[in-house]
Amino acid sequence: MDNNTVDINDLSEIQAILLLLLDSDNSKPVKGKTHLQKEMFLIIDKLNNERLNKLAQYEAYHYGPYSEVVDFELERLQIMNLANVEGTRIVITKLGKKYAEKLKEYISQDVLNRIKSIKEQLNDLSHYELLALVYFNYPNMTSESDVLDEILKNRKKLAKSLLKKGKIDESQAALIANADFENLKSNMIESELFNELIDENWKNICYEMGNQVVKYLNANYPNLSYTIVYDIDFDSEEPRIIIQVNNKIPPENEITLLKRVWNEVRKKYSKYMKKFHVLLDHNYEG
């Protein structure tokens, strides 16, 4: 790379997001690789970009969502003299800032604001605060976690700390402090056909939608007992999310509940709604 020229075509899309992250919030260093992974995960999730999701290939790992691609692209940025790792901190170089400034000419202010907002929210958190914030919003990413028990043991303390720092509101603090986390995890099941026929990208979108449904139901229907079932439509072989209700509710309330859930999911996932089905089913006797 010629250090006197700036050609953003040298960058991959993941490298571009990494540079914008490192440059944001007055180029404050990212605390470490775990913070970088989680900040990138949230940025890519909030941008709701299917292509970036495919490129990053995030999966559940020892500390929650992890991407080998993000690690690899950070190493490439170091080789290109655009970023450095100083101890545990990750910083942008002077040349990296030049690339970031050029990138910003082509990136919307809304995207730049989202990146900055996520960095500001996560970057000064402790290791466990960071993981608690991510784990309770993305429970499907905790299946391989080495520290989940420790997070659960300290959940009330972590919720109080996050609330005091202004990182979460009272409803989010209540979720972290009091929610039945095992229920958040175990009340999501997958059919065999879903596992066999739905590719990983669509599965991840299903999981994200399912998490959205769980958060909405827990906040608005705290006494509802239910299971989220990931399945497929037998005719179209398209994915569907079934809310399997375990306690009896009046039919008119079922219709209202389903409409509200549908509207909630549509806020973020409207472009997928033609492909997905969100249904209500029963799992009670009488």
Foldseek 3Di string as FASTA:
>chain_A
DDLVDADLVVADPLLLLLLLLCPAPVNDWFQADVLSQLLSVVLVVVVVDLVVCVQQVWAAAALFTGGPNNVVSLVVCVVVQQWDCDPGTITGDPSVVVNNVVVVVVDDPVSSVSSNVSCVLRRPDDSLLNSLVVCLLQVNNHPHYPCPVVSLVCQLVSLVVSVVVVSDDPLVSCSSNPNPSVCVVVLEEEDPLCVVQPDPSVVVVVSNLVSQLVSVCCSPPVPWDWGWYWYADPPVRFIEIETETEDDDDPVVQVVSQVVSVVSSCVSPVVCVVRYHYYYHYDYDD
